[in-house]
C-alpha atoms as a PDB file:
ATOM      1  CA  MET A   1       3.681  -9.757 -14.099  1.00  0.00           C
ATOM      2  CA  ILE A   2       4.847  -8.468 -10.716  1.00  0.00           C
ATOM      3  CA  ARG A   3       2.780  -8.297  -7.537  1.00  0.00           C
ATOM      4  CA  SER A   4       3.740  -5.923  -4.743  1.00  0.00           C
ATOM      5  CA  VAL A   5       2.380  -6.504  -1.254  1.00  0.00           C
ATOM      6  CA  ILE A   6       2.738  -4.311   1.826  1.00  0.00           C
ATOM      7  CA  ALA A   7       1.358  -4.797   5.321  1.00  0.00           C
ATOM      8  CA  VAL A   8       1.448  -1.984   7.868  1.00  0.00           C
ATOM      9  CA  LYS A   9       1.166  -1.870  11.635  1.00  0.00           C
ATOM     10  CA  PHE A  10      -0.169   1.536  12.697  1.00  0.00           C
ATOM     11  CA  LYS A  11       1.149   3.511  15.624  1.00  0.00           C
ATOM     12  CA  ALA A  12      -0.987   3.459  18.766  1.00  0.00           C
ATOM     13  CA  GLY A  13      -3.604   6.178  18.587  1.00  0.00           C
ATOM     14  CA  THR A  14      -4.091   6.085  14.827  1.00  0.00           C
ATOM     15  CA  THR A  15      -7.757   6.882  14.265  1.00  0.00           C
ATOM     16  CA  PRO A  16     -10.093   5.195  11.780  1.00  0.00           C
ATOM     17  CA  ALA A  17     -10.353   8.543   9.948  1.00  0.00           C
ATOM     18  CA  GLN A  18      -6.565   8.691   9.544  1.00  0.00           C
ATOM     19  CA  ALA A  19      -6.487   5.110   8.276  1.00  0.00           C
ATOM     20  CA  ARG A  20      -9.331   5.906   5.854  1.00  0.00           C
ATOM     21  CA  SER A  21      -7.380   8.882   4.499  1.00  0.00           C
ATOM     22  CA  LEU A  22      -4.509   6.541   3.604  1.00  0.00           C
ATOM     23  CA  VAL A  23      -6.838   4.085   1.877  1.00  0.00           C
ATOM     24  CA  ASP A  24      -8.614   6.839  -0.059  1.00  0.00           C
ATOM     25  CA  ALA A  25      -5.372   8.465  -1.160  1.00  0.00           C
ATOM     26  CA  MET A  26      -3.692   5.236  -2.266  1.00  0.00           C
ATOM     27  CA  GLN A  27      -6.724   4.099  -4.238  1.00  0.00           C
ATOM     28  CA  GLY A  28      -6.186   7.098  -6.506  1.00  0.00           C
ATOM     29  CA  VAL A  29      -2.580   6.254  -7.430  1.00  0.00           C
ATOM     30  CA  ARG A  30      -2.186   4.975 -10.982  1.00  0.00           C
ATOM     31  CA  VAL A  31       0.819   4.673 -13.296  1.00  0.00           C
ATOM     32  CA  ASP A  32       1.365   3.236 -16.760  1.00  0.00           C
ATOM     33  CA  GLY A  33       1.691  -0.531 -16.555  1.00  0.00           C
ATOM     34  CA  MET A  34      -0.252  -0.875 -13.297  1.00  0.00           C
ATOM     35  CA  ARG A  35      -2.942  -3.506 -13.697  1.00  0.00           C
ATOM     36  CA  SER A  36      -4.592  -3.191 -10.293  1.00  0.00           C
ATOM     37  CA  LEU A  37      -4.253  -1.705  -6.836  1.00  0.00           C
ATOM     38  CA  ASP A  38      -6.326  -2.801  -3.861  1.00  0.00           C
ATOM     39  CA  CYS A  39      -5.904  -1.698  -0.275  1.00  0.00           C
ATOM     40  CA  GLY A  40      -7.813  -1.513   2.960  1.00  0.00           C
ATOM     41  CA  THR A  41      -7.771  -1.777   6.715  1.00  0.00           C
ATOM     42  CA  ASP A  42      -7.974  -5.043   8.596  1.00  0.00           C
ATOM     43  CA  LEU A  43     -11.453  -6.369   9.334  1.00  0.00           C
ATOM     44  CA  GLY A  44     -10.424  -7.684  12.747  1.00  0.00           C
ATOM     45  CA  LEU A  45     -11.343 -11.272  11.929  1.00  0.00           C
ATOM     46  CA  LYS A  46      -8.235 -12.710  13.591  1.00  0.00           C
ATOM     47  CA  ASP A  47      -6.231 -11.541  16.591  1.00  0.00           C
ATOM     48  CA  GLY A  48      -2.716 -10.363  15.812  1.00  0.00           C
ATOM     49  CA  ASN A  49      -3.389  -9.175  12.269  1.00  0.00           C
ATOM     50  CA  TRP A  50      -1.649  -6.065  11.024  1.00  0.00           C
ATOM     51  CA  ASP A  51      -3.719  -2.940  10.399  1.00  0.00           C
ATOM     52  CA  TYR A  52      -3.491  -2.186   6.675  1.00  0.00           C
ATOM     53  CA  ALA A  53      -2.567  -4.001   3.490  1.00  0.00           C
ATOM     54  CA  LEU A  54      -2.028  -3.060  -0.129  1.00  0.00           C
ATOM     55  CA  THR A  55      -1.537  -5.258  -3.167  1.00  0.00           C
ATOM     56  CA  ALA A  56      -0.723  -3.963  -6.625  1.00  0.00           C
ATOM     57  CA  ASP A  57      -0.015  -5.772  -9.874  1.00  0.00           C
ATOM     58  CA  PHE A  58       2.294  -4.444 -12.590  1.00  0.00           C
ATOM     59  CA  ASP A  59       3.121  -5.506 -16.138  1.00  0.00           C
ATOM     60  CA  ASP A  60       6.837  -5.621 -15.379  1.00  0.00           C
ATOM     61  CA  GLN A  61       9.672  -4.257 -13.249  1.00  0.00           C
ATOM     62  CA  ASP A  62       9.679  -0.937 -15.134  1.00  0.00           C
ATOM     63  CA  ALA A  63       6.023  -0.373 -14.237  1.00  0.00           C
ATOM     64  CA  TYR A  64       6.729  -1.204 -10.588  1.00  0.00           C
ATOM     65  CA  THR A  65       9.631   1.258 -10.595  1.00  0.00           C
ATOM     66  CA  ARG A  66       7.376   3.979 -12.048  1.00  0.00           C
ATOM     67  CA  TYR A  67       4.952   3.361  -9.174  1.00  0.00           C
ATOM     68  CA  ASP A  68       7.702   3.330  -6.550  1.00  0.00           C
ATOM     69  CA  LEU A  69       9.106   6.644  -7.838  1.00  0.00           C
ATOM     70  CA  ASP A  70       5.749   8.285  -8.633  1.00  0.00           C
ATOM     71  CA  PRO A  71       5.571  11.774  -7.049  1.00  0.00           C
ATOM     72  CA  GLU A  72       1.987  11.396  -5.824  1.00  0.00           C
ATOM     73  CA  HIS A  73       2.683   7.964  -4.348  1.00  0.00           C
ATOM     74  CA  ASN A  74       5.684   9.375  -2.500  1.00  0.00           C
ATOM     75  CA  ARG A  75       3.731  12.414  -1.319  1.00  0.00           C
ATOM     76  CA  ILE A  76       1.139  10.065   0.221  1.00  0.00           C
ATOM     77  CA  ARG A  77       3.879   7.989   1.856  1.00  0.00           C
ATOM     78  CA  ARG A  78       5.514  11.086   3.297  1.00  0.00           C
ATOM     79  CA  GLU A  79       2.490  13.204   4.258  1.00  0.00           C
ATOM     80  CA  ILE A  80      -0.024  10.530   5.314  1.00  0.00           C
ATOM     81  CA  GLY A  81       1.582   7.133   5.792  1.00  0.00           C
ATOM     82  CA  ALA A  82       4.816   7.994   7.573  1.00  0.00           C
ATOM     83  CA  GLY A  83       3.112   9.651  10.533  1.00  0.00           C
ATOM     84  CA  MET A  84       0.948   6.648  11.326  1.00  0.00           C
ATOM     85  CA  THR A  85       3.262   3.754  10.452  1.00  0.00           C
ATOM     86  CA  GLU A  86       4.905   1.851  13.292  1.00  0.00           C
ATOM     87  CA  SER A  87       6.310  -0.826  10.985  1.00  0.00           C
ATOM     88  CA  ALA A  88       5.820  -2.203   7.513  1.00  0.00           C
ATOM     89  CA  VAL A  89       6.772  -5.307   5.562  1.00  0.00           C
ATOM     90  CA  ARG A  90       6.969  -5.455   1.799  1.00  0.00           C
ATOM     91  CA  VAL A  91       7.524  -8.049  -0.875  1.00  0.00           C
ATOM     92  CA  GLN A  92       7.469  -8.010  -4.668  1.00  0.00           C
ATOM     93  CA  PHE A  93       7.268 -11.272  -6.576  1.00  0.00           C
ATOM     94  CA  GLU A  94       6.637 -12.529 -10.064  1.00  0.00           C
ATOM     95  CA  LEU A  95       3.254 -14.110 -10.697  1.00  0.00           C
ATOM     96  CA  SER A  96       3.260 -17.474 -12.394  1.00  0.00           C
ATOM     97  CA  SER A  97       0.265 -16.681 -14.585  1.00  0.00           C
END
């Protein structure tokens, strides 16, 4: 199983409503072989945290690739995420169990 993790730092001036629109849109993305997708904005419990995170689990690399290439996922990236993203870090790794 593969886990994909992304953390995003929003541009200055990003509103809570804009951030919520990203969360709402991403929560609707599903592809064959996706086991779970969770995302949300930072709770502000620790100074220096990034603003948004998403984790998604996939059966295998093919399922991850379907997600990465999914038209709706890419529409959300382009139309919602790109305008508010200052920087992002990503990692995909294989789960041990």
